[in-house]
Amino acid sequence: GAQTWFVWPDLAVSAPRAIEAGALSSVER
């Protein structure tokens, strides 16, 4: 919405997008 939330771990936010885009690095994986 209008707020920023901080999420732990970072991969809970970035991994779904990276997996969908096929952009997960070897370190992230």
PDB file of all heavy atoms in Angstrom:
ATOM      1  N   GLY A   1       0.854  -1.191   0.000  1.00  0.00           N
ATOM      2  CA  GLY A   1       0.000   0.000   0.000  1.00  0.00           C
ATOM      3  C   GLY A   1       0.883   1.232   0.000  1.00  0.00           C
ATOM      4  O   GLY A   1       1.815   1.345  -0.787  1.00  0.00           O
ATOM      5  N   ALA A   2       0.625   2.133   0.931  1.00  0.00           N
ATOM      6  CA  ALA A   2       1.407   3.370   1.017  1.00  0.00           C
ATOM      7  C   ALA A   2       2.601   3.229   1.949  1.00  0.00           C
ATOM      8  O   ALA A   2       3.349   4.185   2.126  1.00  0.00           O
ATOM      9  CB  ALA A   2       0.514   4.511   1.493  1.00  0.00           C
ATOM     10  N   GLN A   3       2.785   2.053   2.547  1.00  0.00           N
ATOM     11  CA  GLN A   3       3.880   1.858   3.509  1.00  0.00           C
ATOM     12  C   GLN A   3       4.998   1.006   2.929  1.00  0.00           C
ATOM     13  O   GLN A   3       4.781   0.190   2.035  1.00  0.00           O
ATOM     14  CB  GLN A   3       3.380   1.143   4.768  1.00  0.00           C
ATOM     15  CG  GLN A   3       2.761   2.034   5.774  1.00  0.00           C
ATOM     16  CD  GLN A   3       2.629   1.315   7.118  1.00  0.00           C
ATOM     17  OE1 GLN A   3       2.786   0.113   7.237  1.00  0.00           O
ATOM     18  NE2 GLN A   3       2.335   2.094   8.134  1.00  0.00           N
ATOM     19  N   THR A   4       6.172   1.193   3.509  1.00  0.00           N
ATOM     20  CA  THR A   4       7.292   0.314   3.212  1.00  0.00           C
ATOM     21  C   THR A   4       7.427  -0.663   4.369  1.00  0.00           C
ATOM     22  O   THR A   4       7.422  -0.258   5.532  1.00  0.00           O
ATOM     23  CB  THR A   4       8.597   1.124   3.062  1.00  0.00           C
ATOM     24  OG1 THR A   4       8.429   2.061   1.985  1.00  0.00           O
ATOM     25  CG2 THR A   4       9.779   0.219   2.768  1.00  0.00           C
ATOM     26  N   TRP A   5       7.486  -1.934   4.037  1.00  0.00           N
ATOM     27  CA  TRP A   5       7.731  -2.975   5.029  1.00  0.00           C
ATOM     28  C   TRP A   5       9.131  -3.516   4.791  1.00  0.00           C
ATOM     29  O   TRP A   5       9.587  -3.649   3.653  1.00  0.00           O
ATOM     30  CB  TRP A   5       6.733  -4.107   4.907  1.00  0.00           C
ATOM     31  CG  TRP A   5       5.332  -3.786   5.321  1.00  0.00           C
ATOM     32  CD1 TRP A   5       4.801  -2.549   5.596  1.00  0.00           C
ATOM     33  CD2 TRP A   5       4.265  -4.716   5.488  1.00  0.00           C
ATOM     34  NE1 TRP A   5       3.476  -2.665   5.925  1.00  0.00           N
ATOM     35  CE2 TRP A   5       3.122  -3.983   5.873  1.00  0.00           C
ATOM     36  CE3 TRP A   5       4.164  -6.089   5.354  1.00  0.00           C
ATOM     37  CZ2 TRP A   5       1.895  -4.598   6.122  1.00  0.00           C
ATOM     38  CZ3 TRP A   5       2.944  -6.697   5.601  1.00  0.00           C
ATOM     39  CH2 TRP A   5       1.828  -5.949   5.992  1.00  0.00           C
ATOM     40  N   PHE A   6       9.806  -3.860   5.874  1.00  0.00           N
ATOM     41  CA  PHE A   6      11.122  -4.475   5.811  1.00  0.00           C
ATOM     42  C   PHE A   6      10.943  -5.943   6.152  1.00  0.00           C
ATOM     43  O   PHE A   6      10.332  -6.283   7.169  1.00  0.00           O
ATOM     44  CB  PHE A   6      12.085  -3.744   6.748  1.00  0.00           C
ATOM     45  CG  PHE A   6      12.269  -2.318   6.315  1.00  0.00           C
ATOM     46  CD1 PHE A   6      11.445  -1.316   6.815  1.00  0.00           C
ATOM     47  CD2 PHE A   6      13.205  -1.988   5.349  1.00  0.00           C
ATOM     48  CE1 PHE A   6      11.564  -0.010   6.376  1.00  0.00           C
ATOM     49  CE2 PHE A   6      13.330  -0.679   4.893  1.00  0.00           C
ATOM     50  CZ  PHE A   6      12.509   0.310   5.415  1.00  0.00           C
ATOM     51  N   VAL A   7      11.426  -6.801   5.254  1.00  0.00           N
ATOM     52  CA  VAL A   7      11.162  -8.234   5.327  1.00  0.00           C
ATOM     53  C   VAL A   7      12.469  -8.989   5.507  1.00  0.00           C
ATOM     54  O   VAL A   7      13.457  -8.720   4.815  1.00  0.00           O
ATOM     55  CB  VAL A   7      10.450  -8.712   4.039  1.00  0.00           C
ATOM     56  CG1 VAL A   7      10.187 -10.207   4.076  1.00  0.00           C
ATOM     57  CG2 VAL A   7       9.160  -7.928   3.812  1.00  0.00           C
ATOM     58  N   TRP A   8      12.459  -9.931   6.449  1.00  0.00           N
ATOM     59  CA  TRP A   8      13.582 -10.842   6.689  1.00  0.00           C
ATOM     60  C   TRP A   8      13.119 -12.244   6.396  1.00  0.00           C
ATOM     61  O   TRP A   8      12.028 -12.620   6.800  1.00  0.00           O
ATOM     62  CB  TRP A   8      14.010 -10.776   8.157  1.00  0.00           C
ATOM     63  CG  TRP A   8      14.709  -9.536   8.561  1.00  0.00           C
ATOM     64  CD1 TRP A   8      16.070  -9.359   8.679  1.00  0.00           C
ATOM     65  CD2 TRP A   8      14.119  -8.293   8.958  1.00  0.00           C
ATOM     66  NE1 TRP A   8      16.325  -8.085   9.104  1.00  0.00           N
ATOM     67  CE2 TRP A   8      15.149  -7.408   9.286  1.00  0.00           C
ATOM     68  CE3 TRP A   8      12.804  -7.844   9.059  1.00  0.00           C
ATOM     69  CZ2 TRP A   8      14.919  -6.115   9.710  1.00  0.00           C
ATOM     70  CZ3 TRP A   8      12.563  -6.560   9.475  1.00  0.00           C
ATOM     71  CH2 TRP A   8      13.611  -5.707   9.801  1.00  0.00           C
ATOM     72  N   PRO A   9      13.898 -13.048   5.709  1.00  0.00           N
ATOM     73  CA  PRO A   9      15.119 -12.703   5.005  1.00  0.00           C
ATOM     74  C   PRO A   9      14.792 -11.979   3.700  1.00  0.00           C
ATOM     75  O   PRO A   9      13.668 -12.038   3.213  1.00  0.00           O
ATOM     76  CB  PRO A   9      15.753 -14.069   4.714  1.00  0.00           C
ATOM     77  CG  PRO A   9      14.588 -14.981   4.541  1.00  0.00           C
ATOM     78  CD  PRO A   9      13.551 -14.473   5.524  1.00  0.00           C
ATOM     79  N   ASP A  10      15.786 -11.345   3.147  1.00  0.00           N
ATOM     80  CA  ASP A  10      15.594 -10.603   1.903  1.00  0.00           C
ATOM     81  C   ASP A  10      15.072 -11.485   0.778  1.00  0.00           C
ATOM     82  O   ASP A  10      14.308 -11.035  -0.067  1.00  0.00           O
ATOM     83  CB  ASP A  10      16.893  -9.912   1.482  1.00  0.00           C
ATOM     84  CG  ASP A  10      18.060 -10.884   1.298  1.00  0.00           C
ATOM     85  OD1 ASP A  10      18.014 -12.027   1.811  1.00  0.00           O
ATOM     86  OD2 ASP A  10      19.051 -10.485   0.657  1.00  0.00           O
ATOM     87  N   LEU A  11      15.446 -12.751   0.782  1.00  0.00           N
ATOM     88  CA  LEU A  11      15.023 -13.644  -0.297  1.00  0.00           C
ATOM     89  C   LEU A  11      13.525 -13.941  -0.277  1.00  0.00           C
ATOM     90  O   LEU A  11      12.968 -14.378  -1.277  1.00  0.00           O
ATOM     91  CB  LEU A  11      15.823 -14.954  -0.260  1.00  0.00           C
ATOM     92  CG  LEU A  11      17.288 -14.814  -0.665  1.00  0.00           C
ATOM     93  CD1 LEU A  11      18.035 -16.120  -0.466  1.00  0.00           C
ATOM     94  CD2 LEU A  11      17.412 -14.332  -2.097  1.00  0.00           C
ATOM     95  N   ALA A  12      12.862 -13.684   0.834  1.00  0.00           N
ATOM     96  CA  ALA A  12      11.409 -13.863   0.868  1.00  0.00           C
ATOM     97  C   ALA A  12      10.726 -12.898  -0.092  1.00  0.00           C
ATOM     98  O   ALA A  12       9.645 -13.172  -0.598  1.00  0.00           O
ATOM     99  CB  ALA A  12      10.878 -13.663   2.284  1.00  0.00           C
ATOM    100  N   VAL A  13      11.387 -11.776  -0.366  1.00  0.00           N
ATOM    101  CA  VAL A  13      10.859 -10.775  -1.299  1.00  0.00           C
ATOM    102  C   VAL A  13      11.476 -10.949  -2.679  1.00  0.00           C
ATOM    103  O   VAL A  13      10.770 -10.973  -3.688  1.00  0.00           O
ATOM    104  CB  VAL A  13      11.147  -9.343  -0.784  1.00  0.00           C
ATOM    105  CG1 VAL A  13      10.769  -8.301  -1.823  1.00  0.00           C
ATOM    106  CG2 VAL A  13      10.412  -9.100   0.521  1.00  0.00           C
ATOM    107  N   SER A  14      12.793 -11.092  -2.744  1.00  0.00           N
ATOM    108  CA  SER A  14      13.461 -11.071  -4.046  1.00  0.00           C
ATOM    109  C   SER A  14      13.472 -12.415  -4.763  1.00  0.00           C
ATOM    110  O   SER A  14      13.426 -12.449  -5.984  1.00  0.00           O
ATOM    111  CB  SER A  14      14.893 -10.559  -3.901  1.00  0.00           C
ATOM    112  OG  SER A  14      15.652 -11.418  -3.074  1.00  0.00           O
ATOM    113  N   ALA A  15      13.496 -13.523  -4.045  1.00  0.00           N
ATOM    114  CA  ALA A  15      13.600 -14.823  -4.711  1.00  0.00           C
ATOM    115  C   ALA A  15      12.410 -15.136  -5.608  1.00  0.00           C
ATOM    116  O   ALA A  15      12.613 -15.619  -6.724  1.00  0.00           O
ATOM    117  CB  ALA A  15      13.827 -15.932  -3.691  1.00  0.00           C
ATOM    118  N   PRO A  16      11.154 -14.894  -5.187  1.00  0.00           N
ATOM    119  CA  PRO A  16      10.058 -15.205  -6.116  1.00  0.00           C
ATOM    120  C   PRO A  16      10.168 -14.461  -7.443  1.00  0.00           C
ATOM    121  O   PRO A  16       9.956 -15.039  -8.501  1.00  0.00           O
ATOM    122  CB  PRO A  16       8.800 -14.777  -5.339  1.00  0.00           C
ATOM    123  CG  PRO A  16       9.205 -14.895  -3.904  1.00  0.00           C
ATOM    124  CD  PRO A  16      10.660 -14.483  -3.871  1.00  0.00           C
ATOM    125  N   ARG A  17      10.537 -13.162  -7.375  1.00  0.00           N
ATOM    126  CA  ARG A  17      10.697 -12.393  -8.619  1.00  0.00           C
ATOM    127  C   ARG A  17      11.881 -12.911  -9.428  1.00  0.00           C
ATOM    128  O   ARG A  17      11.805 -13.011 -10.646  1.00  0.00           O
ATOM    129  CB  ARG A  17      10.878 -10.913  -8.298  1.00  0.00           C
ATOM    130  CG  ARG A  17       9.617 -10.264  -7.752  1.00  0.00           C
ATOM    131  CD  ARG A  17       9.784  -8.756  -7.663  1.00  0.00           C
ATOM    132  NE  ARG A  17      10.867  -8.362  -6.795  1.00  0.00           N
ATOM    133  CZ  ARG A  17      10.731  -7.755  -5.629  1.00  0.00           C
ATOM    134  NH1 ARG A  17       9.536  -7.464  -5.183  1.00  0.00           N
ATOM    135  NH2 ARG A  17      11.776  -7.420  -4.915  1.00  0.00           N
ATOM    136  N   ALA A  18      12.979 -13.234  -8.755  1.00  0.00           N
ATOM    137  CA  ALA A  18      14.164 -13.713  -9.455  1.00  0.00           C
ATOM    138  C   ALA A  18      13.911 -15.072 -10.093  1.00  0.00           C
ATOM    139  O   ALA A  18      14.350 -15.337 -11.209  1.00  0.00           O
ATOM    140  CB  ALA A  18      15.354 -13.789  -8.495  1.00  0.00           C
ATOM    141  N   ILE A  19      13.205 -15.952  -9.389  1.00  0.00           N
ATOM    142  CA  ILE A  19      12.882 -17.267  -9.953  1.00  0.00           C
ATOM    143  C   ILE A  19      12.002 -17.098 -11.180  1.00  0.00           C
ATOM    144  O   ILE A  19      12.244 -17.706 -12.219  1.00  0.00           O
ATOM    145  CB  ILE A  19      12.208 -18.173  -8.898  1.00  0.00           C
ATOM    146  CG1 ILE A  19      13.268 -18.682  -7.908  1.00  0.00           C
ATOM    147  CG2 ILE A  19      11.481 -19.344  -9.553  1.00  0.00           C
ATOM    148  CD1 ILE A  19      12.726 -19.463  -6.742  1.00  0.00           C
ATOM    149  N   GLU A  20      10.977 -16.246 -11.068  1.00  0.00           N
ATOM    150  CA  GLU A  20      10.065 -16.013 -12.190  1.00  0.00           C
ATOM    151  C   GLU A  20      10.815 -15.474 -13.409  1.00  0.00           C
ATOM    152  O   GLU A  20      10.547 -15.857 -14.536  1.00  0.00           O
ATOM    153  CB  GLU A  20       8.987 -15.024 -11.763  1.00  0.00           C
ATOM    154  CG  GLU A  20       7.892 -14.840 -12.786  1.00  0.00           C
ATOM    155  CD  GLU A  20       6.814 -13.915 -12.268  1.00  0.00           C
ATOM    156  OE1 GLU A  20       6.198 -14.246 -11.244  1.00  0.00           O
ATOM    157  OE2 GLU A  20       6.603 -12.853 -12.900  1.00  0.00           O
ATOM    158  N   ALA A  21      11.789 -14.612 -13.177  1.00  0.00           N
ATOM    159  CA  ALA A  21      12.560 -14.020 -14.275  1.00  0.00           C
ATOM    160  C   ALA A  21      13.756 -14.875 -14.688  1.00  0.00           C
ATOM    161  O   ALA A  21      14.467 -14.527 -15.618  1.00  0.00           O
ATOM    162  CB  ALA A  21      13.052 -12.627 -13.861  1.00  0.00           C
ATOM    163  N   GLY A  22      13.992 -15.984 -13.977  1.00  0.00           N
ATOM    164  CA  GLY A  22      15.151 -16.819 -14.278  1.00  0.00           C
ATOM    165  C   GLY A  22      16.455 -16.124 -13.941  1.00  0.00           C
ATOM    166  O   GLY A  22      17.475 -16.375 -14.576  1.00  0.00           O
ATOM    167  N   ALA A  23      16.433 -15.239 -12.943  1.00  0.00           N
ATOM    168  CA  ALA A  23      17.591 -14.405 -12.642  1.00  0.00           C
ATOM    169  C   ALA A  23      18.201 -14.682 -11.268  1.00  0.00           C
ATOM    170  O   ALA A  23      18.875 -13.830 -10.722  1.00  0.00           O
ATOM    171  CB  ALA A  23      17.193 -12.937 -12.735  1.00  0.00           C
ATOM    172  N   LEU A  24      17.987 -15.849 -10.711  1.00  0.00           N
ATOM    173  CA  LEU A  24      18.547 -16.179  -9.410  1.00  0.00           C
ATOM    174  C   LEU A  24      20.030 -16.516  -9.572  1.00  0.00           C
ATOM    175  O   LEU A  24      20.382 -17.418 -10.324  1.00  0.00           O
ATOM    176  CB  LEU A  24      17.794 -17.375  -8.822  1.00  0.00           C
ATOM    177  CG  LEU A  24      17.821 -17.581  -7.336  1.00  0.00           C
ATOM    178  CD1 LEU A  24      17.236 -16.387  -6.608  1.00  0.00           C
ATOM    179  CD2 LEU A  24      17.038 -18.830  -6.965  1.00  0.00           C
ATOM    180  N   SER A  25      20.896 -15.761  -8.910  1.00  0.00           N
ATOM    181  CA  SER A  25      22.332 -16.027  -9.014  1.00  0.00           C
ATOM    182  C   SER A  25      22.679 -17.305  -8.258  1.00  0.00           C
ATOM    183  O   SER A  25      21.878 -17.803  -7.454  1.00  0.00           O
ATOM    184  CB  SER A  25      23.129 -14.851  -8.450  1.00  0.00           C
ATOM    185  OG  SER A  25      23.082 -14.865  -7.036  1.00  0.00           O
ATOM    186  N   SER A  26      23.860 -17.814  -8.474  1.00  0.00           N
ATOM    187  CA  SER A  26      24.283 -19.037  -7.783  1.00  0.00           C
ATOM    188  C   SER A  26      24.398 -18.810  -6.275  1.00  0.00           C
ATOM    189  O   SER A  26      24.069 -19.693  -5.477  1.00  0.00           O
ATOM    190  CB  SER A  26      25.600 -19.563  -8.351  1.00  0.00           C
ATOM    191  OG  SER A  26      26.606 -18.589  -8.243  1.00  0.00           O
ATOM    192  N   VAL A  27      24.806 -17.630  -5.859  1.00  0.00           N
ATOM    193  CA  VAL A  27      24.897 -17.315  -4.432  1.00  0.00           C
ATOM    194  C   VAL A  27      23.496 -17.248  -3.831  1.00  0.00           C
ATOM    195  O   VAL A  27      23.235 -17.794  -2.752  1.00  0.00           O
ATOM    196  CB  VAL A  27      25.670 -15.994  -4.197  1.00  0.00           C
ATOM    197  CG1 VAL A  27      25.538 -15.529  -2.764  1.00  0.00           C
ATOM    198  CG2 VAL A  27      27.133 -16.176  -4.566  1.00  0.00           C
ATOM    199  N   GLU A  28      22.571 -16.589  -4.528  1.00  0.00           N
ATOM    200  CA  GLU A  28      21.192 -16.512  -4.051  1.00  0.00           C
ATOM    201  C   GLU A  28      20.570 -17.904  -3.977  1.00  0.00           C
ATOM    202  O   GLU A  28      19.870 -18.232  -3.017  1.00  0.00           O
ATOM    203  CB  GLU A  28      20.356 -15.611  -4.962  1.00  0.00           C
ATOM    204  CG  GLU A  28      20.715 -14.155  -4.864  1.00  0.00           C
ATOM    205  CD  GLU A  28      20.118 -13.337  -6.004  1.00  0.00           C
ATOM    206  OE1 GLU A  28      19.976 -13.861  -7.127  1.00  0.00           O
ATOM    207  OE2 GLU A  28      19.810 -12.170  -5.748  1.00  0.00           O
ATOM    208  N   ARG A  29      20.826 -18.713  -4.967  1.00  0.00           N
ATOM    209  CA  ARG A  29      20.275 -20.081  -4.983  1.00  0.00           C
ATOM    210  C   ARG A  29      20.821 -20.888  -3.808  1.00  0.00           C
ATOM    211  O   ARG A  29      20.077 -21.613  -3.152  1.00  0.00           O
ATOM    212  CB  ARG A  29      20.561 -20.774  -6.304  1.00  0.00           C
ATOM    213  CG  ARG A  29      19.857 -22.113  -6.412  1.00  0.00           C
ATOM    214  CD  ARG A  29      19.872 -22.654  -7.846  1.00  0.00           C
ATOM    215  NE  ARG A  29      19.061 -23.821  -7.943  1.00  0.00           N
ATOM    216  CZ  ARG A  29      17.740 -23.838  -8.118  1.00  0.00           C
ATOM    217  NH1 ARG A  29      17.096 -22.710  -8.239  1.00  0.00           N
ATOM    218  NH2 ARG A  29      17.069 -24.963  -8.198  1.00  0.00           N
TER     219      ARG A  29
END
